[in-house]
Amino acid sequence: MAKRTHRREVEEQAALYALGALGPEEAGSFQKRLAAGCPLCCSLFEECRTTVAALPLASPEMAPRPELRQRLMERIGVPESAPKPKPSAGTLVRPGDTPWEKAPAPGVEIRPLLGKKTVLVRMAPGTYLPEHEHRFGEQCLVLEGSVQSDDMVAHAGDFTFMPAGSTHSQLYSQTGCLLLIAYT
């Protein structure tokens, strides 16, 4: 019985750690267990990390219902009769316009450039992105460093395309990398 209780506690800690939801003290303690190579902690954390990393890919992009949109706009003080901006010739996104956001995978950050359709992905040296399925086609240009998937290594200047419905095996960057990704 004590063995089962201990496993459940470690499962809970691994899940919360993967979500970034442990307090600083508990996170530090769990991180020490990972660094020490605890096989149970490492395997449970890897399972949770893989699942957490795939969560954003599982939710469809949706527009709110018109009545909900109207209520939201009224609530934030934008009347429905507000003048609509003129369409411009294009969109310019400057370096400080959108923030880098932590991805579910440790050491990985994402910076949206045009909603969820075009993003920069920055991977620190020695980081992984878990296996994931592509709901949309993915075009990827390696801007800096290199990234590896199975036996294929893409270096700065290389371009890859993954069609919708395809599965990416785990990605690894030994050097760290900066990727420009556009979903089609």
Protein backbone atom coordinates (compact mmCIF):
# COMPACT_ATOMS: atom_id res chain seq x y z
CA MET A 1 0.00 0.00 0.00
CA ALA A 2 2.81 2.44 0.87
CA LYS A 3 4.46 1.71 -2.50
CA ARG A 4 1.25 2.66 -4.35
CA THR A 5 0.85 5.84 -2.30
CA HIS A 6 4.46 6.86 -3.01
CA ARG A 7 3.98 6.28 -6.75
CA ARG A 8 0.79 8.37 -6.75
CA GLU A 9 2.59 11.20 -4.95
CA VAL A 10 5.44 11.10 -7.50
CA GLU A 11 2.91 10.98 -10.38
CA GLU A 12 1.16 14.05 -8.96
CA GLN A 13 4.45 15.92 -8.48
CA ALA A 14 5.62 15.01 -12.00
CA ALA A 15 2.37 16.25 -13.53
CA LEU A 16 2.40 19.50 -11.56
CA TYR A 17 6.09 20.04 -12.32
CA ALA A 18 5.47 19.49 -16.05
CA LEU A 19 2.65 22.04 -15.90
CA GLY A 20 4.85 24.52 -14.01
CA ALA A 21 2.32 24.44 -11.16
CA LEU A 22 4.56 23.41 -8.23
CA GLY A 23 5.59 26.05 -5.73
CA PRO A 24 9.25 27.11 -5.77
CA GLU A 25 10.26 24.86 -2.88
CA GLU A 26 8.45 21.77 -4.20
CA ALA A 27 9.72 22.43 -7.75
CA GLY A 28 13.30 22.70 -6.46
CA SER A 29 12.93 19.45 -4.55
CA PHE A 30 11.50 17.61 -7.58
CA GLN A 31 14.20 19.07 -9.83
CA LYS A 32 16.86 17.66 -7.46
CA ARG A 33 15.26 14.22 -7.74
CA LEU A 34 15.38 14.48 -11.54
CA ALA A 35 19.01 15.64 -11.46
CA ALA A 36 19.86 12.68 -9.22
CA GLY A 37 18.46 10.38 -11.89
CA CYS A 38 15.58 8.85 -9.92
CA PRO A 39 14.20 6.39 -12.54
CA LEU A 40 10.60 6.67 -11.33
CA CYS A 41 10.69 10.50 -11.26
CA CYS A 42 12.40 10.74 -14.64
CA SER A 43 10.06 8.32 -16.43
CA LEU A 44 6.88 9.83 -14.95
CA PHE A 45 8.07 13.36 -15.67
CA GLU A 46 8.90 12.47 -19.29
CA GLU A 47 5.38 11.02 -19.76
CA CYS A 48 3.79 14.14 -18.27
CA ARG A 49 6.06 16.52 -20.20
CA THR A 50 5.14 14.83 -23.48
CA THR A 51 1.43 15.09 -22.70
CA VAL A 52 1.64 18.71 -21.53
CA ALA A 53 3.62 19.72 -24.63
CA ALA A 54 0.91 18.28 -26.87
CA LEU A 55 -1.98 20.08 -25.13
CA PRO A 56 -1.75 23.36 -27.10
CA LEU A 57 -1.71 21.39 -30.34
CA ALA A 58 -4.97 19.65 -29.41
CA SER A 59 -7.18 22.70 -29.09
CA PRO A 60 -8.74 24.07 -32.27
CA GLU A 61 -8.52 27.77 -33.08
CA MET A 62 -12.02 29.17 -32.74
CA ALA A 63 -13.71 32.53 -33.14
CA PRO A 64 -16.24 33.48 -30.45
CA ARG A 65 -19.94 33.51 -31.31
CA PRO A 66 -21.00 36.98 -32.58
CA GLU A 67 -23.11 37.71 -29.47
CA LEU A 68 -20.24 36.72 -27.16
CA ARG A 69 -17.82 38.86 -29.15
CA GLN A 70 -20.19 41.83 -28.86
CA ARG A 71 -20.51 41.36 -25.06
CA LEU A 72 -16.73 41.12 -24.71
CA MET A 73 -16.17 44.24 -26.79
CA GLU A 74 -18.73 46.16 -24.73
CA ARG A 75 -17.15 44.94 -21.51
CA ILE A 76 -13.69 46.21 -22.48
CA GLY A 77 -15.15 49.51 -23.63
CA VAL A 78 -15.15 49.14 -27.41
CA PRO A 79 -18.61 50.05 -28.67
CA GLU A 80 -19.96 48.12 -31.65
CA SER A 81 -20.22 51.41 -33.53
CA ALA A 82 -16.49 52.09 -33.13
CA PRO A 83 -14.90 52.90 -36.47
CA LYS A 84 -13.23 49.90 -37.98
CA PRO A 85 -9.59 50.43 -38.91
CA LYS A 86 -8.86 50.68 -42.61
CA PRO A 87 -7.22 47.60 -44.01
CA SER A 88 -3.54 48.22 -44.49
CA ALA A 89 -1.16 46.90 -47.07
CA GLY A 90 0.36 44.51 -44.57
CA THR A 91 1.40 43.85 -41.00
CA LEU A 92 4.67 44.85 -39.42
CA VAL A 93 5.70 43.08 -36.22
CA ARG A 94 8.70 44.60 -34.46
CA PRO A 95 10.95 42.72 -32.00
CA GLY A 96 9.25 44.16 -28.92
CA ASP A 97 5.67 43.86 -30.20
CA THR A 98 5.05 40.31 -28.99
CA PRO A 99 6.62 38.65 -25.95
CA TRP A 100 8.45 35.34 -25.76
CA GLU A 101 6.23 32.83 -23.93
CA LYS A 102 7.37 29.69 -22.14
CA ALA A 103 6.34 26.55 -23.99
CA PRO A 104 5.25 23.45 -22.06
CA ALA A 105 8.63 21.85 -22.84
CA PRO A 106 11.45 23.12 -20.58
CA GLY A 107 13.96 25.38 -22.34
CA VAL A 108 11.61 26.15 -25.23
CA GLU A 109 10.00 29.53 -25.88
CA ILE A 110 7.45 30.63 -28.47
CA ARG A 111 6.92 34.15 -29.82
CA PRO A 112 3.71 34.66 -31.81
CA LEU A 113 4.17 36.85 -34.88
CA LEU A 114 0.77 36.54 -36.53
CA GLY A 115 -1.65 34.88 -34.11
CA LYS A 116 -1.07 31.15 -33.90
CA LYS A 117 -0.36 30.91 -37.64
CA THR A 118 3.22 32.26 -37.69
CA VAL A 119 5.57 31.92 -34.71
CA LEU A 120 9.21 31.94 -33.73
CA VAL A 121 10.36 28.98 -31.64
CA ARG A 122 13.55 29.23 -29.62
CA MET A 123 15.09 26.07 -28.16
CA ALA A 124 17.95 26.31 -25.66
CA PRO A 125 20.93 23.97 -26.16
CA GLY A 126 20.14 20.39 -25.10
CA THR A 127 16.33 20.77 -25.21
CA TYR A 128 13.64 18.48 -26.59
CA LEU A 129 10.18 18.90 -28.07
CA PRO A 130 8.08 15.75 -27.69
CA GLU A 131 6.54 13.82 -30.56
CA HIS A 132 3.41 15.54 -31.86
CA GLU A 133 0.87 15.33 -34.67
CA HIS A 134 0.33 18.21 -37.09
CA ARG A 135 -3.31 19.27 -37.40
CA PHE A 136 -2.19 21.81 -40.01
CA GLY A 137 0.67 21.79 -42.49
CA GLU A 138 3.86 23.15 -40.92
CA GLN A 139 6.52 25.10 -42.80
CA CYS A 140 9.74 25.56 -40.82
CA LEU A 141 12.81 27.62 -41.64
CA VAL A 142 15.81 27.14 -39.34
CA LEU A 143 17.15 30.66 -38.71
CA GLU A 144 19.93 29.82 -36.22
CA GLY A 145 21.56 26.67 -34.84
CA SER A 146 20.33 23.19 -35.69
CA VAL A 147 17.52 20.80 -34.80
CA GLN A 148 17.36 17.02 -35.15
CA SER A 149 14.47 14.61 -35.65
CA ASP A 150 15.40 10.93 -35.80
CA ASP A 151 18.36 10.78 -38.24
CA MET A 152 17.64 14.11 -40.00
CA VAL A 153 19.49 17.26 -38.90
CA ALA A 154 18.34 20.67 -40.19
CA HIS A 155 20.84 23.55 -39.96
CA ALA A 156 20.46 27.34 -40.30
CA GLY A 157 19.03 28.05 -43.74
CA ASP A 158 17.34 24.64 -44.10
CA PHE A 159 13.58 24.46 -44.72
CA THR A 160 11.23 21.61 -43.78
CA PHE A 161 7.57 20.96 -44.47
CA MET A 162 5.28 18.61 -42.54
CA PRO A 163 1.84 18.03 -44.12
CA ALA A 164 -1.36 18.14 -42.05
CA GLY A 165 -1.95 14.81 -40.31
CA SER A 166 1.74 13.89 -40.23
CA THR A 167 3.57 13.14 -37.00
CA HIS A 168 6.83 14.73 -35.92
CA SER A 169 9.03 12.42 -33.90
CA GLN A 170 10.80 13.99 -30.93
CA LEU A 171 12.87 17.06 -31.84
CA TYR A 172 16.23 17.74 -30.19
CA SER A 173 18.58 20.70 -30.43
CA GLN A 174 22.10 20.10 -29.19
CA THR A 175 23.25 23.63 -30.13
CA GLY A 176 20.02 25.51 -29.48
CA CYS A 177 18.08 26.94 -32.40
CA LEU A 178 15.69 29.60 -33.63
CA LEU A 179 12.90 28.44 -35.94
CA LEU A 180 10.37 30.39 -38.02
CA ILE A 181 7.22 28.29 -38.27
CA ALA A 182 4.14 29.01 -40.38
CA TYR A 183 1.03 26.82 -40.27
CA THR A 184 -1.02 26.36 -43.44
